[in-house]
Amino acid sequence: MKKLSLIPALLLFSACVTPNVAVNPRADFAAIKRVAVLSFNGPQGDLAADLMTQSLVARGADVVERQRLADVMKEQSLSNSGSFDPATAQKLGKLLGVDALFVGTVSESTPQTSYLVTQAGGKSVFQPATVTQVGGGSVYSEGSVMGIPNSQLLSTTANVSMLSRMVDVKTGTVLWSASMSYEGIDVQSAMSGITDAFVRSLAPIWPGLYNNPS
């Protein structure tokens, strides 16, 4: 069984984690006025793209509505994939009036799960005990379970790893790239933490965003 690491939830979820970012030194971010976010590759890629869109809009970016993007791609029989070619990027740029596309991949998505730990005789749950393990990441205690004597519920965090790229639609050049792994109380909160961090890394270099500390 995986060793249980009881970490206070407040310290765990407020940990300062930043993405690994690469910026093209020749990129002209001032020319990027409007963008679109394609569905990410990997598990829950649509959710990741929706949250990336939300993070961008919250910072003031001009983002094409994702349903409009999906409709155009379906009409034109274009692949909704992060591995599309420059010709596809150019076509989308013209059809949607965008200057850049965000593409990405969810490389890991492990949901929040729980352990139910029970112990006969009132002894500590860390003595020989019955443990029901349901996978997951770091473990924190949620206290005893009502109606089950000498029990403790231990919940694991959700783990997500993502990477994203900002691609110039005219040239197919990658302007910005970032990757990050994060833990949250569930997959959505972990993904949201990552997309917020991605957009924060863009704020100082892209005039299309509000550069504020929030």
C-alpha atoms as a PDB file:
ATOM      1  CA  MET A   1       0.000   0.000   0.000  1.00  0.00           C
ATOM      2  CA  LYS A   2       1.174   3.524  -0.771  1.00  0.00           C
ATOM      3  CA  LYS A   3       2.510   5.308   2.307  1.00  0.00           C
ATOM      4  CA  LEU A   4      -0.073   7.754   3.621  1.00  0.00           C
ATOM      5  CA  SER A   5       1.120  11.343   3.688  1.00  0.00           C
ATOM      6  CA  LEU A   6      -1.227  13.419   5.840  1.00  0.00           C
ATOM      7  CA  ILE A   7      -0.835  16.978   4.560  1.00  0.00           C
ATOM      8  CA  PRO A   8      -2.999  19.845   5.812  1.00  0.00           C
ATOM      9  CA  ALA A   9      -5.355  20.719   2.970  1.00  0.00           C
ATOM     10  CA  LEU A  10      -4.692  24.446   3.276  1.00  0.00           C
ATOM     11  CA  LEU A  11      -0.941  24.034   2.830  1.00  0.00           C
ATOM     12  CA  LEU A  12      -1.385  21.498   0.059  1.00  0.00           C
ATOM     13  CA  PHE A  13      -3.715  23.503  -2.148  1.00  0.00           C
ATOM     14  CA  SER A  14      -2.097  26.916  -1.568  1.00  0.00           C
ATOM     15  CA  ALA A  15       1.388  25.724  -2.521  1.00  0.00           C
ATOM     16  CA  CYS A  16       3.081  28.115  -4.918  1.00  0.00           C
ATOM     17  CA  VAL A  17       3.633  26.180  -8.134  1.00  0.00           C
ATOM     18  CA  THR A  18       4.541  27.835 -11.421  1.00  0.00           C
ATOM     19  CA  PRO A  19       4.550  26.431 -14.963  1.00  0.00           C
ATOM     20  CA  ASN A  20       7.619  25.677 -17.016  1.00  0.00           C
ATOM     21  CA  VAL A  21       7.401  28.350 -19.747  1.00  0.00           C
ATOM     22  CA  ALA A  22       9.210  28.912 -23.041  1.00  0.00           C
ATOM     23  CA  VAL A  23       8.728  32.120 -25.052  1.00  0.00           C
ATOM     24  CA  ASN A  24       9.774  32.632 -28.675  1.00  0.00           C
ATOM     25  CA  PRO A  25      12.121  35.668 -28.560  1.00  0.00           C
ATOM     26  CA  ARG A  26      10.983  36.699 -32.047  1.00  0.00           C
ATOM     27  CA  ALA A  27       7.275  36.634 -31.199  1.00  0.00           C
ATOM     28  CA  ASP A  28       5.293  39.844 -31.693  1.00  0.00           C
ATOM     29  CA  PHE A  29       2.599  39.480 -29.027  1.00  0.00           C
ATOM     30  CA  ALA A  30       1.307  42.993 -29.746  1.00  0.00           C
ATOM     31  CA  ALA A  31      -0.001  41.660 -33.068  1.00  0.00           C
ATOM     32  CA  ILE A  32      -2.174  39.052 -31.327  1.00  0.00           C
ATOM     33  CA  LYS A  33      -5.607  40.616 -30.930  1.00  0.00           C
ATOM     34  CA  ARG A  34      -8.028  37.669 -31.043  1.00  0.00           C
ATOM     35  CA  VAL A  35      -7.515  33.986 -30.245  1.00  0.00           C
ATOM     36  CA  ALA A  36      -9.301  30.628 -30.250  1.00  0.00           C
ATOM     37  CA  VAL A  37      -8.786  27.608 -27.991  1.00  0.00           C
ATOM     38  CA  LEU A  38      -8.942  24.141 -29.560  1.00  0.00           C
ATOM     39  CA  SER A  39      -9.905  21.082 -27.552  1.00  0.00           C
ATOM     40  CA  PHE A  40      -6.861  19.635 -25.848  1.00  0.00           C
ATOM     41  CA  ASN A  41      -5.669  16.127 -26.645  1.00  0.00           C
ATOM     42  CA  GLY A  42      -5.922  13.553 -23.865  1.00  0.00           C
ATOM     43  CA  PRO A  43      -8.436  12.771 -21.087  1.00  0.00           C
ATOM     44  CA  GLN A  44     -11.009  15.519 -20.447  1.00  0.00           C
ATOM     45  CA  GLY A  45      -9.496  17.674 -23.170  1.00  0.00           C
ATOM     46  CA  ASP A  46     -12.761  19.568 -23.730  1.00  0.00           C
ATOM     47  CA  LEU A  47     -12.874  20.546 -20.059  1.00  0.00           C
ATOM     48  CA  ALA A  48      -9.252  21.701 -20.200  1.00  0.00           C
ATOM     49  CA  ALA A  49      -9.995  23.878 -23.238  1.00  0.00           C
ATOM     50  CA  ASP A  50     -13.114  25.331 -21.593  1.00  0.00           C
ATOM     51  CA  LEU A  51     -11.124  26.235 -18.485  1.00  0.00           C
ATOM     52  CA  MET A  52      -8.314  27.728 -20.588  1.00  0.00           C
ATOM     53  CA  THR A  53     -10.931  29.862 -22.332  1.00  0.00           C
ATOM     54  CA  GLN A  54     -12.358  30.932 -18.981  1.00  0.00           C
ATOM     55  CA  SER A  55      -8.908  31.892 -17.660  1.00  0.00           C
ATOM     56  CA  LEU A  56      -8.165  33.923 -20.795  1.00  0.00           C
ATOM     57  CA  VAL A  57     -11.495  35.745 -20.714  1.00  0.00           C
ATOM     58  CA  ALA A  58     -11.014  36.541 -17.020  1.00  0.00           C
ATOM     59  CA  ARG A  59      -7.803  38.361 -18.000  1.00  0.00           C
ATOM     60  CA  GLY A  60      -9.494  40.334 -20.762  1.00  0.00           C
ATOM     61  CA  ALA A  61      -8.549  38.289 -23.825  1.00  0.00           C
ATOM     62  CA  ASP A  62     -10.726  38.386 -26.948  1.00  0.00           C
ATOM     63  CA  VAL A  63     -11.563  34.697 -27.376  1.00  0.00           C
ATOM     64  CA  VAL A  64     -13.800  33.053 -29.989  1.00  0.00           C
ATOM     65  CA  GLU A  65     -16.728  31.194 -28.405  1.00  0.00           C
ATOM     66  CA  ARG A  66     -15.863  27.503 -28.411  1.00  0.00           C
ATOM     67  CA  GLN A  67     -19.161  26.391 -29.934  1.00  0.00           C
ATOM     68  CA  ARG A  68     -18.535  28.741 -32.863  1.00  0.00           C
ATOM     69  CA  LEU A  69     -15.081  27.197 -33.267  1.00  0.00           C
ATOM     70  CA  ALA A  70     -16.553  23.673 -33.189  1.00  0.00           C
ATOM     71  CA  ASP A  71     -19.184  24.588 -35.786  1.00  0.00           C
ATOM     72  CA  VAL A  72     -16.602  26.047 -38.184  1.00  0.00           C
ATOM     73  CA  MET A  73     -14.308  23.050 -37.826  1.00  0.00           C
ATOM     74  CA  LYS A  74     -17.211  20.668 -38.477  1.00  0.00           C
ATOM     75  CA  GLU A  75     -18.346  22.638 -41.524  1.00  0.00           C
ATOM     76  CA  GLN A  76     -14.838  22.636 -42.956  1.00  0.00           C
ATOM     77  CA  SER A  77     -14.105  19.007 -41.943  1.00  0.00           C
ATOM     78  CA  LEU A  78     -11.053  20.132 -39.984  1.00  0.00           C
ATOM     79  CA  SER A  79      -9.372  18.000 -37.349  1.00  0.00           C
ATOM     80  CA  ASN A  80      -9.816  19.271 -33.793  1.00  0.00           C
ATOM     81  CA  SER A  81      -6.326  18.207 -32.800  1.00  0.00           C
ATOM     82  CA  GLY A  82      -3.228  19.788 -31.332  1.00  0.00           C
ATOM     83  CA  SER A  83      -1.197  18.211 -34.135  1.00  0.00           C
ATOM     84  CA  PHE A  84      -2.866  20.065 -37.029  1.00  0.00           C
ATOM     85  CA  ASP A  85      -0.648  21.479 -39.796  1.00  0.00           C
ATOM     86  CA  PRO A  86       0.114  25.170 -40.571  1.00  0.00           C
ATOM     87  CA  ALA A  87      -2.346  25.156 -43.489  1.00  0.00           C
ATOM     88  CA  THR A  88      -5.169  24.259 -41.098  1.00  0.00           C
ATOM     89  CA  ALA A  89      -4.076  27.012 -38.709  1.00  0.00           C
ATOM     90  CA  GLN A  90      -4.113  29.550 -41.543  1.00  0.00           C
ATOM     91  CA  LYS A  91      -7.558  28.438 -42.674  1.00  0.00           C
ATOM     92  CA  LEU A  92      -8.983  28.727 -39.165  1.00  0.00           C
ATOM     93  CA  GLY A  93      -7.363  32.127 -38.787  1.00  0.00           C
ATOM     94  CA  LYS A  94      -9.157  33.433 -41.870  1.00  0.00           C
ATOM     95  CA  LEU A  95     -12.514  31.826 -41.080  1.00  0.00           C
ATOM     96  CA  LEU A  96     -12.618  32.970 -37.452  1.00  0.00           C
ATOM     97  CA  GLY A  97     -10.675  36.217 -37.708  1.00  0.00           C
ATOM     98  CA  VAL A  98      -8.124  35.100 -35.129  1.00  0.00           C
ATOM     99  CA  ASP A  99      -4.392  35.780 -34.925  1.00  0.00           C
ATOM    100  CA  ALA A 100      -3.391  32.795 -32.794  1.00  0.00           C
ATOM    101  CA  LEU A 101      -4.656  29.432 -31.584  1.00  0.00           C
ATOM    102  CA  PHE A 102      -4.159  27.747 -28.242  1.00  0.00           C
ATOM    103  CA  VAL A 103      -3.654  23.991 -28.471  1.00  0.00           C
ATOM    104  CA  GLY A 104      -2.660  21.559 -25.762  1.00  0.00           C
ATOM    105  CA  THR A 105      -2.520  18.114 -24.221  1.00  0.00           C
ATOM    106  CA  VAL A 106      -3.698  16.635 -20.927  1.00  0.00           C
ATOM    107  CA  SER A 107      -0.949  14.106 -20.278  1.00  0.00           C
ATOM    108  CA  GLU A 108      -2.276  12.931 -16.892  1.00  0.00           C
ATOM    109  CA  SER A 109      -5.640  13.193 -15.180  1.00  0.00           C
ATOM    110  CA  THR A 110      -6.063  11.181 -11.974  1.00  0.00           C
ATOM    111  CA  PRO A 111      -9.335  11.909 -10.137  1.00  0.00           C
ATOM    112  CA  GLN A 112      -9.763  12.521  -6.424  1.00  0.00           C
ATOM    113  CA  THR A 113     -10.450   9.263  -4.578  1.00  0.00           C
ATOM    114  CA  SER A 114     -10.781   8.027  -1.000  1.00  0.00           C
ATOM    115  CA  TYR A 115      -9.521   5.486   1.551  1.00  0.00           C
ATOM    116  CA  LEU A 116     -11.832   4.136   4.223  1.00  0.00           C
ATOM    117  CA  VAL A 117      -9.667   3.038   7.183  1.00  0.00           C
ATOM    118  CA  THR A 118     -11.232   0.991   9.975  1.00  0.00           C
ATOM    119  CA  GLN A 119      -9.695  -0.483  13.131  1.00  0.00           C
ATOM    120  CA  ALA A 120     -11.196  -2.879  15.668  1.00  0.00           C
ATOM    121  CA  GLY A 121     -10.807  -2.200  19.382  1.00  0.00           C
ATOM    122  CA  GLY A 122     -10.335   1.563  19.147  1.00  0.00           C
ATOM    123  CA  LYS A 123      -6.634   1.359  18.292  1.00  0.00           C
ATOM    124  CA  SER A 124      -4.921   3.882  16.064  1.00  0.00           C
ATOM    125  CA  VAL A 125      -5.793   3.547  12.379  1.00  0.00           C
ATOM    126  CA  PHE A 126      -2.067   3.366  11.646  1.00  0.00           C
ATOM    127  CA  GLN A 127      -1.751   0.056  13.491  1.00  0.00           C
ATOM    128  CA  PRO A 128      -2.650  -3.113  11.522  1.00  0.00           C
ATOM    129  CA  ALA A 129      -6.032  -2.184  10.047  1.00  0.00           C
ATOM    130  CA  THR A 130      -8.471  -2.776   7.237  1.00  0.00           C
ATOM    131  CA  VAL A 131      -7.841  -0.252   4.462  1.00  0.00           C
ATOM    132  CA  THR A 132      -9.930   0.151   1.332  1.00  0.00           C
ATOM    133  CA  GLN A 133      -7.679   1.914  -1.174  1.00  0.00           C
ATOM    134  CA  VAL A 134      -9.085   3.606  -4.267  1.00  0.00           C
ATOM    135  CA  GLY A 135      -5.950   5.064  -5.874  1.00  0.00           C
ATOM    136  CA  GLY A 136      -5.008   8.749  -6.156  1.00  0.00           C
ATOM    137  CA  GLY A 137      -2.292  11.163  -5.083  1.00  0.00           C
ATOM    138  CA  SER A 138      -1.363  12.839  -1.785  1.00  0.00           C
ATOM    139  CA  VAL A 139      -3.607  11.866   1.099  1.00  0.00           C
ATOM    140  CA  TYR A 140      -5.295  14.075   3.695  1.00  0.00           C
ATOM    141  CA  SER A 141      -7.731  13.232   6.505  1.00  0.00           C
ATOM    142  CA  GLU A 142     -11.407  14.173   6.399  1.00  0.00           C
ATOM    143  CA  GLY A 143     -12.107  12.800   9.884  1.00  0.00           C
ATOM    144  CA  SER A 144     -14.233   9.893  11.053  1.00  0.00           C
ATOM    145  CA  VAL A 145     -17.150   8.407   9.139  1.00  0.00           C
ATOM    146  CA  MET A 146     -20.545   8.720  10.842  1.00  0.00           C
ATOM    147  CA  GLY A 147     -22.025   5.349  11.717  1.00  0.00           C
ATOM    148  CA  ILE A 148     -18.742   3.426  11.360  1.00  0.00           C
ATOM    149  CA  PRO A 149     -16.933   3.028  14.709  1.00  0.00           C
ATOM    150  CA  ASN A 150     -13.143   3.535  14.821  1.00  0.00           C
ATOM    151  CA  SER A 151     -12.995   4.729  11.235  1.00  0.00           C
ATOM    152  CA  GLN A 152     -11.265   7.476   9.326  1.00  0.00           C
ATOM    153  CA  LEU A 153     -11.837   8.784   5.805  1.00  0.00           C
ATOM    154  CA  LEU A 154      -8.652   9.686   3.943  1.00  0.00           C
ATOM    155  CA  SER A 155      -9.091  11.438   0.605  1.00  0.00           C
ATOM    156  CA  THR A 156      -6.514  11.729  -2.145  1.00  0.00           C
ATOM    157  CA  THR A 157      -5.957  14.750  -4.320  1.00  0.00           C
ATOM    158  CA  ALA A 158      -6.613  14.827  -8.047  1.00  0.00           C
ATOM    159  CA  ASN A 159      -3.437  15.000 -10.132  1.00  0.00           C
ATOM    160  CA  VAL A 160      -3.303  16.704 -13.523  1.00  0.00           C
ATOM    161  CA  SER A 161      -0.433  17.371 -15.930  1.00  0.00           C
ATOM    162  CA  MET A 162      -1.004  19.643 -18.916  1.00  0.00           C
ATOM    163  CA  LEU A 163       0.889  21.476 -21.609  1.00  0.00           C
ATOM    164  CA  SER A 164      -0.283  24.219 -23.954  1.00  0.00           C
ATOM    165  CA  ARG A 165       1.059  26.184 -26.921  1.00  0.00           C
ATOM    166  CA  MET A 166       0.101  29.491 -28.528  1.00  0.00           C
ATOM    167  CA  VAL A 167       0.474  29.199 -32.311  1.00  0.00           C
ATOM    168  CA  ASP A 168       0.604  32.050 -34.851  1.00  0.00           C
ATOM    169  CA  VAL A 169      -2.036  31.226 -37.495  1.00  0.00           C
ATOM    170  CA  LYS A 170      -0.147  32.983 -40.318  1.00  0.00           C
ATOM    171  CA  THR A 171       3.145  31.142 -39.913  1.00  0.00           C
ATOM    172  CA  GLY A 172       2.342  28.111 -37.745  1.00  0.00           C
ATOM    173  CA  THR A 173       5.115  29.287 -35.409  1.00  0.00           C
ATOM    174  CA  VAL A 174       4.890  28.486 -31.697  1.00  0.00           C
ATOM    175  CA  LEU A 175       4.916  31.802 -29.833  1.00  0.00           C
ATOM    176  CA  TRP A 176       4.626  30.495 -26.277  1.00  0.00           C
ATOM    177  CA  SER A 177       4.629  27.085 -24.637  1.00  0.00           C
ATOM    178  CA  ALA A 178       4.041  25.985 -21.045  1.00  0.00           C
ATOM    179  CA  SER A 179       3.718  22.771 -19.059  1.00  0.00           C
ATOM    180  CA  MET A 180       2.688  22.123 -15.482  1.00  0.00           C
ATOM    181  CA  SER A 181       1.576  19.454 -13.019  1.00  0.00           C
ATOM    182  CA  TYR A 182      -0.816  20.320 -10.194  1.00  0.00           C
ATOM    183  CA  GLU A 183      -2.872  18.775  -7.397  1.00  0.00           C
ATOM    184  CA  GLY A 184      -6.391  19.875  -6.491  1.00  0.00           C
ATOM    185  CA  ILE A 185      -9.429  18.657  -4.603  1.00  0.00           C
ATOM    186  CA  ASP A 186     -10.807  17.382  -7.932  1.00  0.00           C
ATOM    187  CA  VAL A 187      -9.798  17.288 -11.603  1.00  0.00           C
ATOM    188  CA  GLN A 188     -11.585  20.524 -12.488  1.00  0.00           C
ATOM    189  CA  SER A 189      -9.944  22.528  -9.695  1.00  0.00           C
ATOM    190  CA  ALA A 190      -6.518  21.107 -10.615  1.00  0.00           C
ATOM    191  CA  MET A 191      -7.030  21.991 -14.289  1.00  0.00           C
ATOM    192  CA  SER A 192      -8.258  25.445 -13.347  1.00  0.00           C
ATOM    193  CA  GLY A 193      -5.143  25.997 -11.255  1.00  0.00           C
ATOM    194  CA  ILE A 194      -3.003  25.104 -14.254  1.00  0.00           C
ATOM    195  CA  THR A 195      -4.849  27.236 -16.813  1.00  0.00           C
ATOM    196  CA  ASP A 196      -4.827  30.228 -14.460  1.00  0.00           C
ATOM    197  CA  ALA A 197      -1.063  29.813 -14.042  1.00  0.00           C
ATOM    198  CA  PHE A 198      -0.619  29.526 -17.818  1.00  0.00           C
ATOM    199  CA  VAL A 199      -2.471  32.778 -18.427  1.00  0.00           C
ATOM    200  CA  ARG A 200      -0.632  34.563 -15.602  1.00  0.00           C
ATOM    201  CA  SER A 201       2.625  33.696 -17.353  1.00  0.00           C
ATOM    202  CA  LEU A 202       1.314  35.372 -20.529  1.00  0.00           C
ATOM    203  CA  ALA A 203       0.073  38.570 -18.855  1.00  0.00           C
ATOM    204  CA  PRO A 204       3.459  40.347 -18.650  1.00  0.00           C
ATOM    205  CA  ILE A 205       4.294  39.722 -22.333  1.00  0.00           C
ATOM    206  CA  TRP A 206       0.936  39.842 -24.152  1.00  0.00           C
ATOM    207  CA  PRO A 207      -0.757  43.271 -24.326  1.00  0.00           C
ATOM    208  CA  GLY A 208      -4.054  41.516 -25.046  1.00  0.00           C
ATOM    209  CA  LEU A 209      -4.296  40.601 -21.364  1.00  0.00           C
ATOM    210  CA  TYR A 210      -4.768  42.629 -18.218  1.00  0.00           C
ATOM    211  CA  ASN A 211      -1.475  42.505 -16.344  1.00  0.00           C
ATOM    212  CA  ASN A 212      -2.809  42.435 -12.802  1.00  0.00           C
ATOM    213  CA  PRO A 213      -1.758  40.323  -9.794  1.00  0.00           C
ATOM    214  CA  SER A 214      -5.105  38.586  -9.230  1.00  0.00           C
END
